[in-house]
C-alpha atoms as a PDB file:
ATOM      1  CA  MET A   1      70.121 111.401  85.161  1.00  0.00           C
ATOM      2  CA  THR A   2      70.685 109.844  81.789  1.00  0.00           C
ATOM      3  CA  ALA A   3      74.034 108.692  80.444  1.00  0.00           C
ATOM      4  CA  SER A   4      74.126 111.841  78.319  1.00  0.00           C
ATOM      5  CA  THR A   5      73.707 114.289  81.232  1.00  0.00           C
ATOM      6  CA  ALA A   6      75.501 112.546  84.112  1.00  0.00           C
ATOM      7  CA  LEU A   7      79.248 112.450  84.498  1.00  0.00           C
ATOM      8  CA  LEU A   8      80.337 109.314  82.699  1.00  0.00           C
ATOM      9  CA  ALA A   9      82.496 106.964  84.740  1.00  0.00           C
ATOM     10  CA  LEU A  10      83.026 104.788  81.672  1.00  0.00           C
ATOM     11  CA  GLU A  11      82.573 105.312  77.943  1.00  0.00           C
ATOM     12  CA  THR A  12      83.675 103.220  74.985  1.00  0.00           C
ATOM     13  CA  THR A  13      83.601 103.483  71.240  1.00  0.00           C
ATOM     14  CA  PRO A  14      82.675 100.168  69.554  1.00  0.00           C
ATOM     15  CA  LEU A  15      85.013  97.502  70.922  1.00  0.00           C
ATOM     16  CA  HIS A  16      86.175  94.611  68.758  1.00  0.00           C
ATOM     17  CA  PHE A  17      88.457  91.823  69.899  1.00  0.00           C
ATOM     18  CA  ALA A  18      89.073  88.217  68.859  1.00  0.00           C
ATOM     19  CA  TYR A  19      91.525  85.667  70.215  1.00  0.00           C
ATOM     20  CA  PRO A  20      93.525  83.968  67.423  1.00  0.00           C
ATOM     21  CA  GLY A  21      91.473  81.395  65.553  1.00  0.00           C
ATOM     22  CA  ARG A  22      88.300  82.058  67.557  1.00  0.00           C
ATOM     23  CA  PRO A  23      85.037  83.949  67.003  1.00  0.00           C
ATOM     24  CA  PRO A  24      84.917  87.562  68.235  1.00  0.00           C
ATOM     25  CA  ALA A  25      84.962  87.913  72.021  1.00  0.00           C
ATOM     26  CA  LEU A  26      83.859  91.551  71.635  1.00  0.00           C
ATOM     27  CA  ASN A  27      81.853  92.390  68.542  1.00  0.00           C
ATOM     28  CA  GLY A  28      81.208  96.124  68.264  1.00  0.00           C
ATOM     29  CA  LEU A  29      80.222  96.533  71.904  1.00  0.00           C
ATOM     30  CA  THR A  30      79.530 100.126  73.003  1.00  0.00           C
ATOM     31  CA  LEU A  31      78.976 101.050  76.636  1.00  0.00           C
ATOM     32  CA  ALA A  32      78.374 104.240  78.640  1.00  0.00           C
ATOM     33  CA  VAL A  33      78.086 104.102  82.436  1.00  0.00           C
ATOM     34  CA  PRO A  34      77.203 107.215  84.468  1.00  0.00           C
ATOM     35  CA  GLU A  35      79.042 107.766  87.724  1.00  0.00           C
ATOM     36  CA  GLY A  36      77.391 105.992  90.635  1.00  0.00           C
ATOM     37  CA  GLN A  37      75.649 103.249  88.663  1.00  0.00           C
ATOM     38  CA  ARG A  38      75.826  99.631  89.784  1.00  0.00           C
ATOM     39  CA  VAL A  39      75.728  97.588  86.592  1.00  0.00           C
ATOM     40  CA  GLY A  40      75.242  93.847  86.490  1.00  0.00           C
ATOM     41  CA  ILE A  41      76.521  91.941  83.469  1.00  0.00           C
ATOM     42  CA  ILE A  42      75.130  88.488  82.740  1.00  0.00           C
ATOM     43  CA  GLY A  43      75.384  86.020  79.892  1.00  0.00           C
ATOM     44  CA  PRO A  44      76.378  82.455  79.104  1.00  0.00           C
ATOM     45  CA  ASN A  45      79.938  81.212  79.333  1.00  0.00           C
ATOM     46  CA  GLY A  46      81.908  82.644  76.422  1.00  0.00           C
ATOM     47  CA  ALA A  47      79.646  85.694  76.076  1.00  0.00           C
ATOM     48  CA  GLY A  48      82.644  88.049  76.373  1.00  0.00           C
ATOM     49  CA  LYS A  49      82.169  89.318  79.925  1.00  0.00           C
ATOM     50  CA  SER A  50      85.726  88.686  81.146  1.00  0.00           C
ATOM     51  CA  SER A  51      87.219  89.913  77.867  1.00  0.00           C
ATOM     52  CA  LEU A  52      85.202  93.117  78.250  1.00  0.00           C
ATOM     53  CA  PHE A  53      86.578  93.677  81.752  1.00  0.00           C
ATOM     54  CA  LEU A  54      90.149  93.046  80.626  1.00  0.00           C
ATOM     55  CA  ALA A  55      89.712  95.553  77.806  1.00  0.00           C
ATOM     56  CA  LEU A  56      88.135  98.170  80.077  1.00  0.00           C
ATOM     57  CA  CYS A  57      91.050  98.189  82.528  1.00  0.00           C
ATOM     58  CA  GLY A  58      93.823  98.015  79.936  1.00  0.00           C
ATOM     59  CA  VAL A  59      94.977  94.429  80.394  1.00  0.00           C
ATOM     60  CA  LEU A  60      93.735  93.461  76.932  1.00  0.00           C
ATOM     61  CA  LYS A  61      94.185  95.681  73.863  1.00  0.00           C
ATOM     62  CA  PRO A  62      91.078  95.825  71.652  1.00  0.00           C
ATOM     63  CA  ASP A  63      91.551  95.215  67.936  1.00  0.00           C
ATOM     64  CA  GLN A  64      89.349  98.280  67.447  1.00  0.00           C
ATOM     65  CA  GLY A  65      87.726 100.786  69.786  1.00  0.00           C
ATOM     66  CA  THR A  66      88.667 102.978  72.736  1.00  0.00           C
ATOM     67  CA  VAL A  67      87.911 103.155  76.455  1.00  0.00           C
ATOM     68  CA  GLN A  68      87.679 106.261  78.631  1.00  0.00           C
ATOM     69  CA  VAL A  69      87.348 106.248  82.423  1.00  0.00           C
ATOM     70  CA  PHE A  70      86.215 109.560  83.912  1.00  0.00           C
ATOM     71  CA  GLY A  71      87.191 111.244  80.655  1.00  0.00           C
ATOM     72  CA  GLN A  72      90.724 109.830  80.572  1.00  0.00           C
ATOM     73  CA  PRO A  73      91.757 107.282  77.927  1.00  0.00           C
ATOM     74  CA  ILE A  74      92.762 103.834  79.132  1.00  0.00           C
ATOM     75  CA  GLN A  75      96.113 102.793  77.697  1.00  0.00           C
ATOM     76  CA  THR A  76      96.908  99.108  77.456  1.00  0.00           C
ATOM     77  CA  GLY A  77      99.537  98.081  79.987  1.00  0.00           C
ATOM     78  CA  HIS A  78      99.413 101.369  81.914  1.00  0.00           C
ATOM     79  CA  PHE A  79      98.246 101.487  85.531  1.00  0.00           C
ATOM     80  CA  ASN A  80      95.234 103.720  86.182  1.00  0.00           C
ATOM     81  CA  PRO A  81      94.304 103.979  89.889  1.00  0.00           C
ATOM     82  CA  ALA A  82      90.789 105.180  89.023  1.00  0.00           C
ATOM     83  CA  ILE A  83      89.783 101.667  87.918  1.00  0.00           C
ATOM     84  CA  GLY A  84      90.186  98.374  89.750  1.00  0.00           C
ATOM     85  CA  LEU A  85      89.591  94.818  88.537  1.00  0.00           C
ATOM     86  CA  ILE A  86      88.776  91.876  90.796  1.00  0.00           C
ATOM     87  CA  PHE A  87      89.940  88.912  88.706  1.00  0.00           C
ATOM     88  CA  GLN A  88      87.715  85.875  88.327  1.00  0.00           C
ATOM     89  CA  ASN A  89      90.525  83.709  89.711  1.00  0.00           C
ATOM     90  CA  ALA A  90      92.050  85.216  92.861  1.00  0.00           C
ATOM     91  CA  ASP A  91      95.304  83.303  92.221  1.00  0.00           C
ATOM     92  CA  ASP A  92      95.817  85.545  89.182  1.00  0.00           C
ATOM     93  CA  GLN A  93      95.765  88.577  91.461  1.00  0.00           C
ATOM     94  CA  LEU A  94      97.575  87.617  94.673  1.00  0.00           C
ATOM     95  CA  PHE A  95     101.341  87.322  94.402  1.00  0.00           C
ATOM     96  CA  SER A  96     103.054  88.637  97.556  1.00  0.00           C
ATOM     97  CA  PRO A  97     104.517  86.600 100.437  1.00  0.00           C
ATOM     98  CA  THR A  98     101.872  87.877 102.880  1.00  0.00           C
ATOM     99  CA  VAL A  99      98.395  89.380 102.794  1.00  0.00           C
ATOM    100  CA  ARG A 100      99.819  92.568 104.314  1.00  0.00           C
ATOM    101  CA  GLU A 101     102.218  93.000 101.396  1.00  0.00           C
ATOM    102  CA  ASP A 102      99.546  92.262  98.812  1.00  0.00           C
ATOM    103  CA  LEU A 103      97.269  94.926 100.269  1.00  0.00           C
ATOM    104  CA  ALA A 104     100.086  97.461 100.593  1.00  0.00           C
ATOM    105  CA  PHE A 105     101.399  96.942  97.051  1.00  0.00           C
ATOM    106  CA  GLY A 106      98.940  99.284  95.328  1.00  0.00           C
ATOM    107  CA  PRO A 107      99.160 102.249  97.735  1.00  0.00           C
ATOM    108  CA  VAL A 108     102.972 101.970  97.887  1.00  0.00           C
ATOM    109  CA  ASN A 109     103.203 102.145  94.099  1.00  0.00           C
ATOM    110  CA  MET A 110     100.786 105.080  94.078  1.00  0.00           C
ATOM    111  CA  GLY A 111     103.296 106.994  96.212  1.00  0.00           C
ATOM    112  CA  CYS A 112     101.368 106.975  99.485  1.00  0.00           C
ATOM    113  CA  ASP A 113     103.437 107.617 102.603  1.00  0.00           C
ATOM    114  CA  PRO A 114     103.803 104.763 105.138  1.00  0.00           C
ATOM    115  CA  ALA A 115     101.112 106.098 107.477  1.00  0.00           C
ATOM    116  CA  GLU A 116      98.618 106.373 104.606  1.00  0.00           C
ATOM    117  CA  VAL A 117      99.499 102.882 103.392  1.00  0.00           C
ATOM    118  CA  GLU A 118      98.913 101.481 106.871  1.00  0.00           C
ATOM    119  CA  ALA A 119      95.582 103.301 107.178  1.00  0.00           C
ATOM    120  CA  ARG A 120      94.372 102.067 103.798  1.00  0.00           C
ATOM    121  CA  VAL A 121      95.375  98.483 104.564  1.00  0.00           C
ATOM    122  CA  ALA A 122      93.602  98.591 107.934  1.00  0.00           C
ATOM    123  CA  ALA A 123      90.433 100.041 106.397  1.00  0.00           C
ATOM    124  CA  ALA A 124      90.313  97.434 103.623  1.00  0.00           C
ATOM    125  CA  LEU A 125      90.875  94.614 106.102  1.00  0.00           C
ATOM    126  CA  HIS A 126      87.986  95.893 108.212  1.00  0.00           C
ATOM    127  CA  LEU A 127      85.625  96.285 105.247  1.00  0.00           C
ATOM    128  CA  THR A 128      86.299  92.752 104.034  1.00  0.00           C
ATOM    129  CA  GLY A 129      86.511  91.073 107.446  1.00  0.00           C
ATOM    130  CA  THR A 130      90.006  89.767 106.780  1.00  0.00           C
ATOM    131  CA  GLU A 131      91.910  91.261 109.741  1.00  0.00           C
ATOM    132  CA  ALA A 132      92.914  87.806 111.015  1.00  0.00           C
ATOM    133  CA  LEU A 133      94.601  87.003 107.694  1.00  0.00           C
ATOM    134  CA  LEU A 134      97.060  89.909 107.731  1.00  0.00           C
ATOM    135  CA  ASP A 135     100.249  87.871 108.141  1.00  0.00           C
ATOM    136  CA  ARG A 136      99.088  84.751 106.308  1.00  0.00           C
ATOM    137  CA  VAL A 137     100.510  83.509 103.000  1.00  0.00           C
ATOM    138  CA  PRO A 138      97.844  84.299 100.372  1.00  0.00           C
ATOM    139  CA  HIS A 139      98.162  80.992  98.529  1.00  0.00           C
ATOM    140  CA  HIS A 140      97.623  79.066 101.769  1.00  0.00           C
ATOM    141  CA  LEU A 141      94.171  80.606 102.206  1.00  0.00           C
ATOM    142  CA  SER A 142      90.834  79.020 101.332  1.00  0.00           C
ATOM    143  CA  GLY A 143      89.119  80.007  98.103  1.00  0.00           C
ATOM    144  CA  GLY A 144      86.702  82.341  99.890  1.00  0.00           C
ATOM    145  CA  GLU A 145      89.488  83.947 101.937  1.00  0.00           C
ATOM    146  CA  LYS A 146      91.514  84.553  98.771  1.00  0.00           C
ATOM    147  CA  ARG A 147      88.494  86.186  97.159  1.00  0.00           C
ATOM    148  CA  MET A 148      87.995  88.651 100.015  1.00  0.00           C
ATOM    149  CA  VAL A 149      91.734  89.447 100.191  1.00  0.00           C
ATOM    150  CA  ALA A 150      91.744  90.088  96.428  1.00  0.00           C
ATOM    151  CA  ILE A 151      88.850  92.521  96.883  1.00  0.00           C
ATOM    152  CA  ALA A 152      90.658  94.192  99.789  1.00  0.00           C
ATOM    153  CA  SER A 153      93.800  94.623  97.678  1.00  0.00           C
ATOM    154  CA  ILE A 154      91.803  96.654  95.151  1.00  0.00           C
ATOM    155  CA  LEU A 155      89.944  98.705  97.769  1.00  0.00           C
ATOM    156  CA  THR A 156      93.237  99.943  99.257  1.00  0.00           C
ATOM    157  CA  MET A 157      93.743 101.962  96.059  1.00  0.00           C
ATOM    158  CA  HIS A 158      90.401 103.792  96.459  1.00  0.00           C
ATOM    159  CA  PRO A 159      89.296 103.232  92.850  1.00  0.00           C
ATOM    160  CA  ARG A 160      86.326 105.230  91.549  1.00  0.00           C
ATOM    161  CA  LEU A 161      85.258 102.392  89.225  1.00  0.00           C
ATOM    162  CA  VAL A 162      85.475  98.732  90.259  1.00  0.00           C
ATOM    163  CA  LEU A 163      84.997  95.711  87.990  1.00  0.00           C
ATOM    164  CA  TYR A 164      83.979  92.533  89.829  1.00  0.00           C
ATOM    165  CA  ASP A 165      84.386  89.335  87.779  1.00  0.00           C
ATOM    166  CA  GLU A 166      82.373  86.579  89.529  1.00  0.00           C
ATOM    167  CA  PRO A 167      83.040  88.161  92.943  1.00  0.00           C
ATOM    168  CA  ASP A 168      80.981  85.689  94.972  1.00  0.00           C
ATOM    169  CA  ALA A 169      82.852  82.582  93.780  1.00  0.00           C
ATOM    170  CA  ASN A 170      83.819  80.358  96.759  1.00  0.00           C
ATOM    171  CA  LEU A 171      82.124  82.626  99.311  1.00  0.00           C
ATOM    172  CA  ASP A 172      80.058  81.245 102.169  1.00  0.00           C
ATOM    173  CA  MET A 173      76.824  83.003 103.125  1.00  0.00           C
ATOM    174  CA  ARG A 174      78.457  85.296 105.704  1.00  0.00           C
ATOM    175  CA  ALA A 175      81.116  86.466 103.240  1.00  0.00           C
ATOM    176  CA  ARG A 176      78.472  86.852 100.536  1.00  0.00           C
ATOM    177  CA  ARG A 177      76.437  89.167 102.783  1.00  0.00           C
ATOM    178  CA  ARG A 178      79.589  91.197 103.483  1.00  0.00           C
ATOM    179  CA  LEU A 179      80.225  91.411  99.739  1.00  0.00           C
ATOM    180  CA  ILE A 180      76.711  92.741  99.179  1.00  0.00           C
ATOM    181  CA  ARG A 181      77.244  95.396 101.856  1.00  0.00           C
ATOM    182  CA  LEU A 182      80.480  96.418 100.120  1.00  0.00           C
ATOM    183  CA  GLN A 183      78.510  97.175  96.980  1.00  0.00           C
ATOM    184  CA  GLN A 184      76.754 100.041  98.751  1.00  0.00           C
ATOM    185  CA  ALA A 185      79.994 102.064  98.618  1.00  0.00           C
ATOM    186  CA  ASP A 186      80.040 105.283  96.633  1.00  0.00           C
ATOM    187  CA  HIS A 187      82.169 103.995  93.766  1.00  0.00           C
ATOM    188  CA  THR A 188      80.737 102.999  90.404  1.00  0.00           C
ATOM    189  CA  LEU A 189      80.787  99.274  89.781  1.00  0.00           C
ATOM    190  CA  LEU A 190      80.267  96.598  87.166  1.00  0.00           C
ATOM    191  CA  ILE A 191      79.585  93.036  88.332  1.00  0.00           C
ATOM    192  CA  ALA A 192      79.786  90.043  86.012  1.00  0.00           C
ATOM    193  CA  SER A 193      78.150  87.105  87.751  1.00  0.00           C
ATOM    194  CA  HIS A 194      76.133  83.922  87.232  1.00  0.00           C
ATOM    195  CA  ASP A 195      74.491  84.643  90.611  1.00  0.00           C
ATOM    196  CA  LEU A 196      71.384  86.387  89.331  1.00  0.00           C
ATOM    197  CA  GLU A 197      69.977  86.919  92.816  1.00  0.00           C
ATOM    198  CA  LEU A 198      73.147  88.849  93.726  1.00  0.00           C
ATOM    199  CA  ILE A 199      72.661  91.035  90.642  1.00  0.00           C
ATOM    200  CA  LEU A 200      69.011  91.673  91.546  1.00  0.00           C
ATOM    201  CA  GLU A 201      69.955  92.669  95.078  1.00  0.00           C
ATOM    202  CA  VAL A 202      72.906  94.919  94.238  1.00  0.00           C
ATOM    203  CA  CYS A 203      72.502  96.409  90.756  1.00  0.00           C
ATOM    204  CA  ASN A 204      70.285  99.170  89.380  1.00  0.00           C
ATOM    205  CA  ARG A 205      71.092  98.389  85.731  1.00  0.00           C
ATOM    206  CA  LEU A 206      71.520  95.119  83.875  1.00  0.00           C
ATOM    207  CA  ILE A 207      73.324  94.243  80.651  1.00  0.00           C
ATOM    208  CA  LEU A 208      72.771  90.875  78.992  1.00  0.00           C
ATOM    209  CA  MET A 209      75.701  89.865  76.769  1.00  0.00           C
ATOM    210  CA  ASP A 210      76.072  87.091  74.225  1.00  0.00           C
ATOM    211  CA  GLY A 211      78.480  86.617  71.344  1.00  0.00           C
ATOM    212  CA  GLY A 212      80.453  89.697  72.352  1.00  0.00           C
ATOM    213  CA  CYS A 213      77.383  91.934  71.930  1.00  0.00           C
ATOM    214  CA  ILE A 214      74.891  93.637  74.232  1.00  0.00           C
ATOM    215  CA  ILE A 215      71.557  91.871  73.783  1.00  0.00           C
ATOM    216  CA  ALA A 216      69.545  93.777  76.400  1.00  0.00           C
ATOM    217  CA  ASP A 217      70.211  96.789  78.626  1.00  0.00           C
ATOM    218  CA  GLY A 218      67.801  98.022  81.268  1.00  0.00           C
ATOM    219  CA  GLU A 219      66.266  97.465  84.688  1.00  0.00           C
ATOM    220  CA  PRO A 220      67.406  94.107  86.132  1.00  0.00           C
ATOM    221  CA  ALA A 221      64.043  92.581  87.055  1.00  0.00           C
ATOM    222  CA  GLN A 222      62.413  93.642  83.792  1.00  0.00           C
ATOM    223  CA  ILE A 223      65.066  91.832  81.756  1.00  0.00           C
ATOM    224  CA  MET A 224      65.347  88.763  83.975  1.00  0.00           C
ATOM    225  CA  VAL A 225      61.594  88.188  84.160  1.00  0.00           C
ATOM    226  CA  ASP A 226      61.543  87.587  80.388  1.00  0.00           C
ATOM    227  CA  ALA A 227      61.898  83.803  80.418  1.00  0.00           C
ATOM    228  CA  ALA A 228      62.078  83.489  76.625  1.00  0.00           C
ATOM    229  CA  LEU A 229      64.880  86.057  76.409  1.00  0.00           C
ATOM    230  CA  MET A 230      66.826  84.445  79.228  1.00  0.00           C
ATOM    231  CA  GLU A 231      66.462  80.927  77.836  1.00  0.00           C
ATOM    232  CA  ALA A 232      67.504  82.082  74.354  1.00  0.00           C
ATOM    233  CA  HIS A 233      70.845  83.089  75.841  1.00  0.00           C
ATOM    234  CA  GLY A 234      71.524  80.102  78.070  1.00  0.00           C
ATOM    235  CA  LEU A 235      70.082  81.559  81.272  1.00  0.00           C
ATOM    236  CA  GLU A 236      67.116  80.947  83.542  1.00  0.00           C
ATOM    237  CA  LYS A 237      64.735  83.328  85.220  1.00  0.00           C
ATOM    238  CA  PRO A 238      65.887  83.829  88.858  1.00  0.00           C
ATOM    239  CA  HIS A 239      63.973  81.829  91.430  1.00  0.00           C
ATOM    240  CA  SER A 240      62.750  84.992  93.171  1.00  0.00           C
ATOM    241  CA  LEU A 241      61.011  86.140  89.957  1.00  0.00           C
ATOM    242  CA  VAL A 242      59.197  82.828  89.368  1.00  0.00           C
ATOM    243  CA  PRO A 243      55.538  82.905  90.524  1.00  0.00           C
ATOM    244  CA  HIS A 244      54.967  80.704  93.570  1.00  0.00           C
ATOM    245  CA  ALA A 245      51.630  79.541  94.908  1.00  0.00           C
ATOM    246  CA  HIS A 246      50.511  81.079  98.197  1.00  0.00           C
ATOM    247  CA  LEU A 247      48.189  79.575 100.757  1.00  0.00           C
ATOM    248  CA  ASN A 248      45.415  81.951  99.651  1.00  0.00           C
ATOM    249  CA  GLY A 249      45.631  80.540  96.134  1.00  0.00           C
ATOM    250  CA  SER A 250      47.349  83.551  94.568  1.00  0.00           C
ATOM    251  CA  ALA A 251      50.546  83.257  92.577  1.00  0.00           C
ATOM    252  CA  GLU A 252      53.098  86.054  92.820  1.00  0.00           C
ATOM    253  CA  PRO A 253      56.854  86.380  92.418  1.00  0.00           C
ATOM    254  CA  LEU A 254      58.751  86.169  95.689  1.00  0.00           C
ATOM    255  CA  ARG A 255      60.093  89.664  95.178  1.00  0.00           C
END
């Protein structure tokens, strides 16, 4: 299905935003994401990726433009359980005395009864492999543990659209593989990451951002294999797409 025929999980009119005294972080960016897509967002530091996510979930108010999630307008400062944001820094997201309370916070404030809250917390702990952390103090955890708990705290709310801002930061290989398995869930997702191999493995659409604009939008490997395009925007072609010599003398990408 195309964006025009599928149910749109996300749709914006041109978004503009600038922090005081700085160049535009979002410069007329327009985005439509059909339900079920897994969209990777790449670009150099300062491209506007985090600002885009903050605008999409209502944390940041655009100077111009609107955001709709599943046909409903996003209002700045208003909670919308249909969309969840995994912050780039887990310390910005975790605030309760224990992991249990952090995970329960969303469902409790959504009005879930105690049994439902308990079930959602247990399911999120299982999905993220964090059962042993239930009664720990979040800010005493390692960076990777915080990251997985932050993800779990969003999953307890059963969002239909999830925004992952550098989700694999501080993760070891085992946690990274678990994160990749999580991306096979039925919710729509956007992932902003410098880990291009993660994007190739998880996403079926890629957006390259720079200067608050969308530079390229299409199939991940087709965009990333363009070395000139990637280099022009401060990126490198992923290792798996670089031709490597084989024993038979041929040269093919690893993928």
